[in-house]
Amino acid sequence: MHCKSGADRTGLAAALYLMEFEDAPLLKAKKQLSFRFLHIRRGKSGILDHFLERYEVEYERSGASIRSWVENMYCSRELTRSFEKKQAALRFWQGWH
């Protein structure tokens, strides 16, 4: 289900499909967002990895399915804020090394 130009969007779609319809574990689904499929987690496209990381935290806490999390708990503004904060911290620490 991957394509060259849509590596990021298609990778997320593939990960969601695996979790929702194949009942695949999150670790396997996260592999859809990899360099193998031309996904680069640095920069703006890293928000997709962050999306799955945030879901992972909630899954470990509550066991919520990906569908339930997206429908009831996910907030795009909060995800964007936390991703920007994470990126700023990475830039800060990279400046020290």
PDB file of N, CA and C in Angstrom:
ATOM      1  N   MET A   1       0.821  -1.190   0.000  1.00  0.00           N
ATOM      2  CA  MET A   1       0.000   0.000   0.000  1.00  0.00           C
ATOM      3  C   MET A   1       0.864   1.252   0.000  1.00  0.00           C
ATOM      4  N   HIS A   2       2.126   1.147  -0.249  1.00  0.00           N
ATOM      5  CA  HIS A   2       3.010   2.311  -0.246  1.00  0.00           C
ATOM      6  C   HIS A   2       3.206   2.856  -1.641  1.00  0.00           C
ATOM      7  N   CYS A   3       3.499   4.153  -1.705  1.00  0.00           N
ATOM      8  CA  CYS A   3       3.843   4.789  -2.972  1.00  0.00           C
ATOM      9  C   CYS A   3       4.970   5.782  -2.707  1.00  0.00           C
ATOM     10  N   LYS A   4       5.742   6.088  -3.719  1.00  0.00           N
ATOM     11  CA  LYS A   4       6.911   6.942  -3.550  1.00  0.00           C
ATOM     12  C   LYS A   4       6.546   8.341  -3.066  1.00  0.00           C
ATOM     13  N   SER A   5       5.609   8.985  -3.707  1.00  0.00           N
ATOM     14  CA  SER A   5       5.295  10.376  -3.371  1.00  0.00           C
ATOM     15  C   SER A   5       4.472  10.522  -2.097  1.00  0.00           C
ATOM     16  N   GLY A   6       3.794   9.497  -1.696  1.00  0.00           N
ATOM     17  CA  GLY A   6       2.962   9.584  -0.501  1.00  0.00           C
ATOM     18  C   GLY A   6       3.501   8.773   0.645  1.00  0.00           C
ATOM     19  N   ALA A   7       4.824   8.683   0.755  1.00  0.00           N
ATOM     20  CA  ALA A   7       5.448   7.810   1.757  1.00  0.00           C
ATOM     21  C   ALA A   7       4.924   8.098   3.160  1.00  0.00           C
ATOM     22  N   ASP A   8       4.758   9.353   3.480  1.00  0.00           N
ATOM     23  CA  ASP A   8       4.340   9.702   4.838  1.00  0.00           C
ATOM     24  C   ASP A   8       2.854   9.415   5.062  1.00  0.00           C
ATOM     25  N   ARG A   9       2.021   9.957   4.205  1.00  0.00           N
ATOM     26  CA  ARG A   9       0.572   9.740   4.345  1.00  0.00           C
ATOM     27  C   ARG A   9       0.216   8.277   4.162  1.00  0.00           C
ATOM     28  N   THR A  10       0.807   7.653   3.170  1.00  0.00           N
ATOM     29  CA  THR A  10       0.506   6.247   2.909  1.00  0.00           C
ATOM     30  C   THR A  10       1.011   5.370   4.040  1.00  0.00           C
ATOM     31  N   GLY A  11       2.163   5.715   4.586  1.00  0.00           N
ATOM     32  CA  GLY A  11       2.691   4.956   5.715  1.00  0.00           C
ATOM     33  C   GLY A  11       1.782   5.014   6.921  1.00  0.00           C
ATOM     34  N   LEU A  12       1.244   6.208   7.206  1.00  0.00           N
ATOM     35  CA  LEU A  12       0.311   6.333   8.327  1.00  0.00           C
ATOM     36  C   LEU A  12      -0.962   5.545   8.031  1.00  0.00           C
ATOM     37  N   ALA A  13      -1.467   5.651   6.802  1.00  0.00           N
ATOM     38  CA  ALA A  13      -2.670   4.894   6.434  1.00  0.00           C
ATOM     39  C   ALA A  13      -2.432   3.391   6.583  1.00  0.00           C
ATOM     40  N   ALA A  14      -1.260   2.934   6.166  1.00  0.00           N
ATOM     41  CA  ALA A  14      -0.931   1.511   6.287  1.00  0.00           C
ATOM     42  C   ALA A  14      -0.853   1.098   7.757  1.00  0.00           C
ATOM     43  N   ALA A  15      -0.252   1.932   8.578  1.00  0.00           N
ATOM     44  CA  ALA A  15      -0.154   1.632  10.016  1.00  0.00           C
ATOM     45  C   ALA A  15      -1.548   1.556  10.645  1.00  0.00           C
ATOM     46  N   LEU A  16      -2.397   2.512  10.326  1.00  0.00           N
ATOM     47  CA  LEU A  16      -3.759   2.514  10.869  1.00  0.00           C
ATOM     48  C   LEU A  16      -4.536   1.287  10.392  1.00  0.00           C
ATOM     49  N   TYR A  17      -4.385   0.951   9.133  1.00  0.00           N
ATOM     50  CA  TYR A  17      -5.055  -0.227   8.584  1.00  0.00           C
ATOM     51  C   TYR A  17      -4.619  -1.485   9.342  1.00  0.00           C
ATOM     52  N   LEU A  18      -3.314  -1.643   9.517  1.00  0.00           N
ATOM     53  CA  LEU A  18      -2.815  -2.826  10.207  1.00  0.00           C
ATOM     54  C   LEU A  18      -3.381  -2.946  11.619  1.00  0.00           C
ATOM     55  N   MET A  19      -3.427  -1.826  12.329  1.00  0.00           N
ATOM     56  CA  MET A  19      -3.942  -1.873  13.702  1.00  0.00           C
ATOM     57  C   MET A  19      -5.443  -2.124  13.735  1.00  0.00           C
ATOM     58  N   GLU A  20      -6.180  -1.449  12.864  1.00  0.00           N
ATOM     59  CA  GLU A  20      -7.640  -1.526  12.910  1.00  0.00           C
ATOM     60  C   GLU A  20      -8.199  -2.806  12.294  1.00  0.00           C
ATOM     61  N   PHE A  21      -7.672  -3.218  11.153  1.00  0.00           N
ATOM     62  CA  PHE A  21      -8.284  -4.332  10.426  1.00  0.00           C
ATOM     63  C   PHE A  21      -7.506  -5.637  10.508  1.00  0.00           C
ATOM     64  N   GLU A  22      -6.221  -5.561  10.805  1.00  0.00           N
ATOM     65  CA  GLU A  22      -5.412  -6.772  10.911  1.00  0.00           C
ATOM     66  C   GLU A  22      -5.079  -7.097  12.367  1.00  0.00           C
ATOM     67  N   ASP A  23      -5.485  -6.230  13.271  1.00  0.00           N
ATOM     68  CA  ASP A  23      -5.197  -6.386  14.700  1.00  0.00           C
ATOM     69  C   ASP A  23      -3.697  -6.570  14.948  1.00  0.00           C
ATOM     70  N   ALA A  24      -2.898  -5.870  14.140  1.00  0.00           N
ATOM     71  CA  ALA A  24      -1.437  -5.954  14.258  1.00  0.00           C
ATOM     72  C   ALA A  24      -0.975  -5.163  15.480  1.00  0.00           C
ATOM     73  N   PRO A  25       0.094  -5.609  16.109  1.00  0.00           N
ATOM     74  CA  PRO A  25       0.636  -4.843  17.234  1.00  0.00           C
ATOM     75  C   PRO A  25       1.198  -3.507  16.746  1.00  0.00           C
ATOM     76  N   LEU A  26       1.201  -2.553  17.640  1.00  0.00           N
ATOM     77  CA  LEU A  26       1.668  -1.208  17.316  1.00  0.00           C
ATOM     78  C   LEU A  26       3.097  -1.223  16.780  1.00  0.00           C
ATOM     79  N   LEU A  27       3.960  -2.043  17.344  1.00  0.00           N
ATOM     80  CA  LEU A  27       5.352  -2.106  16.893  1.00  0.00           C
ATOM     81  C   LEU A  27       5.426  -2.458  15.404  1.00  0.00           C
ATOM     82  N   LYS A  28       4.637  -3.405  14.973  1.00  0.00           N
ATOM     83  CA  LYS A  28       4.619  -3.778  13.550  1.00  0.00           C
ATOM     84  C   LYS A  28       4.045  -2.630  12.718  1.00  0.00           C
ATOM     85  N   ALA A  29       2.996  -2.012  13.188  1.00  0.00           N
ATOM     86  CA  ALA A  29       2.369  -0.913  12.449  1.00  0.00           C
ATOM     87  C   ALA A  29       3.322   0.272  12.305  1.00  0.00           C
ATOM     88  N   LYS A  30       4.079   0.568  13.362  1.00  0.00           N
ATOM     89  CA  LYS A  30       5.014   1.699  13.316  1.00  0.00           C
ATOM     90  C   LYS A  30       6.083   1.522  12.242  1.00  0.00           C
ATOM     91  N   LYS A  31       6.361   0.294  11.855  1.00  0.00           N
ATOM     92  CA  LYS A  31       7.370   0.034  10.822  1.00  0.00           C
ATOM     93  C   LYS A  31       6.927   0.535   9.450  1.00  0.00           C
ATOM     94  N   GLN A  32       5.651   0.850   9.292  1.00  0.00           N
ATOM     95  CA  GLN A  32       5.172   1.411   8.033  1.00  0.00           C
ATOM     96  C   GLN A  32       5.694   2.833   7.831  1.00  0.00           C
ATOM     97  N   LEU A  33       6.082   3.473   8.916  1.00  0.00           N
ATOM     98  CA  LEU A  33       6.705   4.796   8.860  1.00  0.00           C
ATOM     99  C   LEU A  33       8.210   4.597   9.046  1.00  0.00           C
ATOM    100  N   SER A  34       8.852   4.140   7.981  1.00  0.00           N
ATOM    101  CA  SER A  34      10.288   3.879   8.062  1.00  0.00           C
ATOM    102  C   SER A  34      10.971   4.316   6.774  1.00  0.00           C
ATOM    103  N   PHE A  35      12.279   4.413   6.842  1.00  0.00           N
ATOM    104  CA  PHE A  35      13.050   4.801   5.665  1.00  0.00           C
ATOM    105  C   PHE A  35      12.882   3.787   4.535  1.00  0.00           C
ATOM    106  N   ARG A  36      12.585   2.559   4.910  1.00  0.00           N
ATOM    107  CA  ARG A  36      12.339   1.523   3.889  1.00  0.00           C
ATOM    108  C   ARG A  36      11.290   1.997   2.892  1.00  0.00           C
ATOM    109  N   PHE A  37      10.310   2.766   3.380  1.00  0.00           N
ATOM    110  CA  PHE A  37       9.244   3.287   2.533  1.00  0.00           C
ATOM    111  C   PHE A  37       9.439   4.780   2.253  1.00  0.00           C
ATOM    112  N   LEU A  38      10.681   5.250   2.420  1.00  0.00           N
ATOM    113  CA  LEU A  38      11.081   6.640   2.149  1.00  0.00           C
ATOM    114  C   LEU A  38      10.466   7.652   3.117  1.00  0.00           C
ATOM    115  N   HIS A  39      10.134   7.205   4.303  1.00  0.00           N
ATOM    116  CA  HIS A  39       9.660   8.123   5.343  1.00  0.00           C
ATOM    117  C   HIS A  39      10.864   8.617   6.141  1.00  0.00           C
ATOM    118  N   ILE A  40      10.950   9.928   6.308  1.00  0.00           N
ATOM    119  CA  ILE A  40      12.005  10.543   7.113  1.00  0.00           C
ATOM    120  C   ILE A  40      11.330  11.155   8.327  1.00  0.00           C
ATOM    121  N   ARG A  41      11.720  10.721   9.503  1.00  0.00           N
ATOM    122  CA  ARG A  41      11.021  11.173  10.699  1.00  0.00           C
ATOM    123  C   ARG A  41      11.464  12.551  11.164  1.00  0.00           C
ATOM    124  N   ARG A  42      12.551  13.056  10.637  1.00  0.00           N
ATOM    125  CA  ARG A  42      12.986  14.412  10.995  1.00  0.00           C
ATOM    126  C   ARG A  42      12.134  15.420  10.234  1.00  0.00           C
ATOM    127  N   GLY A  43      12.004  16.581  10.789  1.00  0.00           N
ATOM    128  CA  GLY A  43      11.224  17.612  10.131  1.00  0.00           C
ATOM    129  C   GLY A  43       9.737  17.447  10.361  1.00  0.00           C
ATOM    130  N   LYS A  44       8.967  18.066   9.500  1.00  0.00           N
ATOM    131  CA  LYS A  44       7.512  18.096   9.678  1.00  0.00           C
ATOM    132  C   LYS A  44       6.863  16.722   9.643  1.00  0.00           C
ATOM    133  N   SER A  45       7.391  15.814   8.835  1.00  0.00           N
ATOM    134  CA  SER A  45       6.762  14.501   8.724  1.00  0.00           C
ATOM    135  C   SER A  45       6.905  13.680  10.002  1.00  0.00           C
ATOM    136  N   GLY A  46       7.774  14.105  10.911  1.00  0.00           N
ATOM    137  CA  GLY A  46       7.926  13.426  12.190  1.00  0.00           C
ATOM    138  C   GLY A  46       6.683  13.481  13.055  1.00  0.00           C
ATOM    139  N   ILE A  47       5.760  14.371  12.717  1.00  0.00           N
ATOM    140  CA  ILE A  47       4.523  14.448  13.500  1.00  0.00           C
ATOM    141  C   ILE A  47       3.724  13.153  13.378  1.00  0.00           C
ATOM    142  N   LEU A  48       3.901  12.440  12.281  1.00  0.00           N
ATOM    143  CA  LEU A  48       3.197  11.164  12.124  1.00  0.00           C
ATOM    144  C   LEU A  48       3.731  10.123  13.102  1.00  0.00           C
ATOM    145  N   ASP A  49       5.039  10.110  13.296  1.00  0.00           N
ATOM    146  CA  ASP A  49       5.640   9.219  14.300  1.00  0.00           C
ATOM    147  C   ASP A  49       5.166   9.627  15.693  1.00  0.00           C
ATOM    148  N   HIS A  50       5.114  10.932  15.912  1.00  0.00           N
ATOM    149  CA  HIS A  50       4.670  11.460  17.207  1.00  0.00           C
ATOM    150  C   HIS A  50       3.219  11.052  17.475  1.00  0.00           C
ATOM    151  N   PHE A  51       2.387  11.076  16.445  1.00  0.00           N
ATOM    152  CA  PHE A  51       0.995  10.638  16.554  1.00  0.00           C
ATOM    153  C   PHE A  51       0.935   9.219  17.103  1.00  0.00           C
ATOM    154  N   LEU A  52       1.735   8.312  16.507  1.00  0.00           N
ATOM    155  CA  LEU A  52       1.727   6.924  16.962  1.00  0.00           C
ATOM    156  C   LEU A  52       2.356   6.773  18.342  1.00  0.00           C
ATOM    157  N   GLU A  53       3.365   7.591  18.646  1.00  0.00           N
ATOM    158  CA  GLU A  53       3.973   7.552  19.980  1.00  0.00           C
ATOM    159  C   GLU A  53       2.970   7.982  21.042  1.00  0.00           C
ATOM    160  N   ARG A  54       2.192   9.030  20.751  1.00  0.00           N
ATOM    161  CA  ARG A  54       1.182   9.498  21.708  1.00  0.00           C
ATOM    162  C   ARG A  54       0.092   8.452  21.895  1.00  0.00           C
ATOM    163  N   TYR A  55      -0.286   7.802  20.802  1.00  0.00           N
ATOM    164  CA  TYR A  55      -1.257   6.723  20.920  1.00  0.00           C
ATOM    165  C   TYR A  55      -0.696   5.592  21.780  1.00  0.00           C
ATOM    166  N   GLU A  56       0.574   5.274  21.588  1.00  0.00           N
ATOM    167  CA  GLU A  56       1.194   4.195  22.352  1.00  0.00           C
ATOM    168  C   GLU A  56       1.105   4.452  23.858  1.00  0.00           C
ATOM    169  N   VAL A  57       1.346   5.684  24.253  1.00  0.00           N
ATOM    170  CA  VAL A  57       1.248   6.051  25.674  1.00  0.00           C
ATOM    171  C   VAL A  57      -0.168   5.805  26.179  1.00  0.00           C
ATOM    172  N   GLU A  58      -1.157   6.236  25.399  1.00  0.00           N
ATOM    173  CA  GLU A  58      -2.548   6.048  25.821  1.00  0.00           C
ATOM    174  C   GLU A  58      -2.929   4.577  25.819  1.00  0.00           C
ATOM    175  N   TYR A  59      -2.445   3.840  24.843  1.00  0.00           N
ATOM    176  CA  TYR A  59      -2.747   2.411  24.795  1.00  0.00           C
ATOM    177  C   TYR A  59      -2.201   1.703  26.031  1.00  0.00           C
ATOM    178  N   GLU A  60      -0.981   2.025  26.404  1.00  0.00           N
ATOM    179  CA  GLU A  60      -0.390   1.409  27.601  1.00  0.00           C
ATOM    180  C   GLU A  60      -1.159   1.794  28.865  1.00  0.00           C
ATOM    181  N   ARG A  61      -1.706   3.008  28.872  1.00  0.00           N
ATOM    182  CA  ARG A  61      -2.450   3.478  30.034  1.00  0.00           C
ATOM    183  C   ARG A  61      -3.846   2.864  30.111  1.00  0.00           C
ATOM    184  N   SER A  62      -4.540   2.829  28.970  1.00  0.00           N
ATOM    185  CA  SER A  62      -5.948   2.454  29.011  1.00  0.00           C
ATOM    186  C   SER A  62      -6.329   1.239  28.162  1.00  0.00           C
ATOM    187  N   GLY A  63      -5.455   0.849  27.246  1.00  0.00           N
ATOM    188  CA  GLY A  63      -5.804  -0.249  26.348  1.00  0.00           C
ATOM    189  C   GLY A  63      -6.770   0.158  25.241  1.00  0.00           C
ATOM    190  N   ALA A  64      -6.953   1.454  25.025  1.00  0.00           N
ATOM    191  CA  ALA A  64      -7.884   1.950  24.009  1.00  0.00           C
ATOM    192  C   ALA A  64      -7.440   1.524  22.615  1.00  0.00           C
ATOM    193  N   SER A  65      -8.385   1.158  21.795  1.00  0.00           N
ATOM    194  CA  SER A  65      -8.068   0.847  20.400  1.00  0.00           C
ATOM    195  C   SER A  65      -7.705   2.142  19.684  1.00  0.00           C
ATOM    196  N   ILE A  66      -7.040   2.020  18.540  1.00  0.00           N
ATOM    197  CA  ILE A  66      -6.678   3.206  17.779  1.00  0.00           C
ATOM    198  C   ILE A  66      -7.934   3.973  17.371  1.00  0.00           C
ATOM    199  N   ARG A  67      -8.984   3.276  16.978  1.00  0.00           N
ATOM    200  CA  ARG A  67     -10.231   3.941  16.582  1.00  0.00           C
ATOM    201  C   ARG A  67     -10.828   4.717  17.754  1.00  0.00           C
ATOM    202  N   SER A  68     -10.885   4.086  18.902  1.00  0.00           N
ATOM    203  CA  SER A  68     -11.430   4.743  20.093  1.00  0.00           C
ATOM    204  C   SER A  68     -10.602   5.959  20.474  1.00  0.00           C
ATOM    205  N   TRP A  69      -9.286   5.829  20.413  1.00  0.00           N
ATOM    206  CA  TRP A  69      -8.413   6.947  20.759  1.00  0.00           C
ATOM    207  C   TRP A  69      -8.638   8.124  19.819  1.00  0.00           C
ATOM    208  N   VAL A  70      -8.679   7.852  18.513  1.00  0.00           N
ATOM    209  CA  VAL A  70      -8.874   8.933  17.535  1.00  0.00           C
ATOM    210  C   VAL A  70     -10.246   9.572  17.718  1.00  0.00           C
ATOM    211  N   GLU A  71     -11.272   8.775  17.919  1.00  0.00           N
ATOM    212  CA  GLU A  71     -12.628   9.309  18.023  1.00  0.00           C
ATOM    213  C   GLU A  71     -12.893  10.039  19.334  1.00  0.00           C
ATOM    214  N   ASN A  72     -12.253   9.618  20.422  1.00  0.00           N
ATOM    215  CA  ASN A  72     -12.623  10.143  21.742  1.00  0.00           C
ATOM    216  C   ASN A  72     -11.545  10.914  22.487  1.00  0.00           C
ATOM    217  N   MET A  73     -10.279  10.708  22.163  1.00  0.00           N
ATOM    218  CA  MET A  73      -9.221  11.307  22.975  1.00  0.00           C
ATOM    219  C   MET A  73      -8.245  12.164  22.187  1.00  0.00           C
ATOM    220  N   TYR A  74      -8.050  11.877  20.934  1.00  0.00           N
ATOM    221  CA  TYR A  74      -7.083  12.580  20.095  1.00  0.00           C
ATOM    222  C   TYR A  74      -7.501  14.031  19.876  1.00  0.00           C
ATOM    223  N   CYS A  75      -6.527  14.936  19.999  1.00  0.00           N
ATOM    224  CA  CYS A  75      -6.748  16.355  19.742  1.00  0.00           C
ATOM    225  C   CYS A  75      -5.600  16.847  18.858  1.00  0.00           C
ATOM    226  N   SER A  76      -5.922  17.267  17.645  1.00  0.00           N
ATOM    227  CA  SER A  76      -4.873  17.660  16.704  1.00  0.00           C
ATOM    228  C   SER A  76      -4.070  18.851  17.217  1.00  0.00           C
ATOM    229  N   ARG A  77      -4.734  19.806  17.865  1.00  0.00           N
ATOM    230  CA  ARG A  77      -3.995  20.968  18.388  1.00  0.00           C
ATOM    231  C   ARG A  77      -3.008  20.544  19.475  1.00  0.00           C
ATOM    232  N   GLU A  78      -3.445  19.660  20.359  1.00  0.00           N
ATOM    233  CA  GLU A  78      -2.565  19.189  21.442  1.00  0.00           C
ATOM    234  C   GLU A  78      -1.400  18.404  20.866  1.00  0.00           C
ATOM    235  N   LEU A  79      -1.673  17.576  19.865  1.00  0.00           N
ATOM    236  CA  LEU A  79      -0.608  16.808  19.239  1.00  0.00           C
ATOM    237  C   LEU A  79       0.414  17.736  18.592  1.00  0.00           C
ATOM    238  N   THR A  80      -0.066  18.750  17.886  1.00  0.00           N
ATOM    239  CA  THR A  80       0.831  19.706  17.234  1.00  0.00           C
ATOM    240  C   THR A  80       1.665  20.449  18.266  1.00  0.00           C
ATOM    241  N   ARG A  81       1.039  20.905  19.344  1.00  0.00           N
ATOM    242  CA  ARG A  81       1.782  21.613  20.415  1.00  0.00           C
ATOM    243  C   ARG A  81       2.852  20.718  21.024  1.00  0.00           C
ATOM    244  N   SER A  82       2.500  19.482  21.345  1.00  0.00           N
ATOM    245  CA  SER A  82       3.479  18.598  21.990  1.00  0.00           C
ATOM    246  C   SER A  82       4.596  18.232  21.013  1.00  0.00           C
ATOM    247  N   PHE A  83       4.284  18.110  19.728  1.00  0.00           N
ATOM    248  CA  PHE A  83       5.314  17.824  18.735  1.00  0.00           C
ATOM    249  C   PHE A  83       6.267  19.009  18.602  1.00  0.00           C
ATOM    250  N   GLU A  84       5.727  20.215  18.532  1.00  0.00           N
ATOM    251  CA  GLU A  84       6.577  21.407  18.420  1.00  0.00           C
ATOM    252  C   GLU A  84       7.475  21.564  19.649  1.00  0.00           C
ATOM    253  N   LYS A  85       6.936  21.266  20.809  1.00  0.00           N
ATOM    254  CA  LYS A  85       7.728  21.324  22.045  1.00  0.00           C
ATOM    255  C   LYS A  85       8.858  20.288  22.009  1.00  0.00           C
ATOM    256  N   LYS A  86       8.549  19.089  21.549  1.00  0.00           N
ATOM    257  CA  LYS A  86       9.553  18.026  21.435  1.00  0.00           C
ATOM    258  C   LYS A  86      10.642  18.440  20.446  1.00  0.00           C
ATOM    259  N   GLN A  87      10.251  19.000  19.306  1.00  0.00           N
ATOM    260  CA  GLN A  87      11.212  19.425  18.293  1.00  0.00           C
ATOM    261  C   GLN A  87      12.110  20.542  18.826  1.00  0.00           C
ATOM    262  N   ALA A  88      11.536  21.481  19.562  1.00  0.00           N
ATOM    263  CA  ALA A  88      12.324  22.569  20.133  1.00  0.00           C
ATOM    264  C   ALA A  88      13.351  22.031  21.124  1.00  0.00           C
ATOM    265  N   ALA A  89      12.952  21.060  21.931  1.00  0.00           N
ATOM    266  CA  ALA A  89      13.878  20.456  22.890  1.00  0.00           C
ATOM    267  C   ALA A  89      15.012  19.730  22.162  1.00  0.00           C
ATOM    268  N   LEU A  90      14.688  19.038  21.069  1.00  0.00           N
ATOM    269  CA  LEU A  90      15.728  18.350  20.288  1.00  0.00           C
ATOM    270  C   LEU A  90      16.715  19.350  19.694  1.00  0.00           C
ATOM    271  N   ARG A  91      16.208  20.451  19.161  1.00  0.00           N
ATOM    272  CA  ARG A  91      17.089  21.466  18.591  1.00  0.00           C
ATOM    273  C   ARG A  91      17.992  22.063  19.678  1.00  0.00           C
ATOM    274  N   PHE A  92      17.434  22.278  20.866  1.00  0.00           N
ATOM    275  CA  PHE A  92      18.205  22.808  21.983  1.00  0.00           C
ATOM    276  C   PHE A  92      19.349  21.871  22.333  1.00  0.00           C
ATOM    277  N   TRP A  93      19.056  20.576  22.504  1.00  0.00           N
ATOM    278  CA  TRP A  93      20.084  19.624  22.903  1.00  0.00           C
ATOM    279  C   TRP A  93      21.088  19.372  21.787  1.00  0.00           C
ATOM    280  N   GLN A  94      20.654  19.445  20.536  1.00  0.00           N
ATOM    281  CA  GLN A  94      21.591  19.272  19.433  1.00  0.00           C
ATOM    282  C   GLN A  94      22.577  20.423  19.380  1.00  0.00           C
ATOM    283  N   GLY A  95      22.148  21.594  19.821  1.00  0.00           N
ATOM    284  CA  GLY A  95      23.022  22.744  19.871  1.00  0.00           C
ATOM    285  C   GLY A  95      24.131  22.587  20.911  1.00  0.00           C
ATOM    286  N   TRP A  96      23.934  21.750  21.896  1.00  0.00           N
ATOM    287  CA  TRP A  96      24.922  21.517  22.949  1.00  0.00           C
ATOM    288  C   TRP A  96      25.985  20.523  22.530  1.00  0.00           C
ATOM    289  N   HIS A  97      25.726  19.742  21.499  1.00  0.00           N
ATOM    290  CA  HIS A  97      26.683  18.688  21.104  1.00  0.00           C
ATOM    291  C   HIS A  97      27.420  19.054  19.863  1.00  0.00           C
TER     292      HIS A  97
END
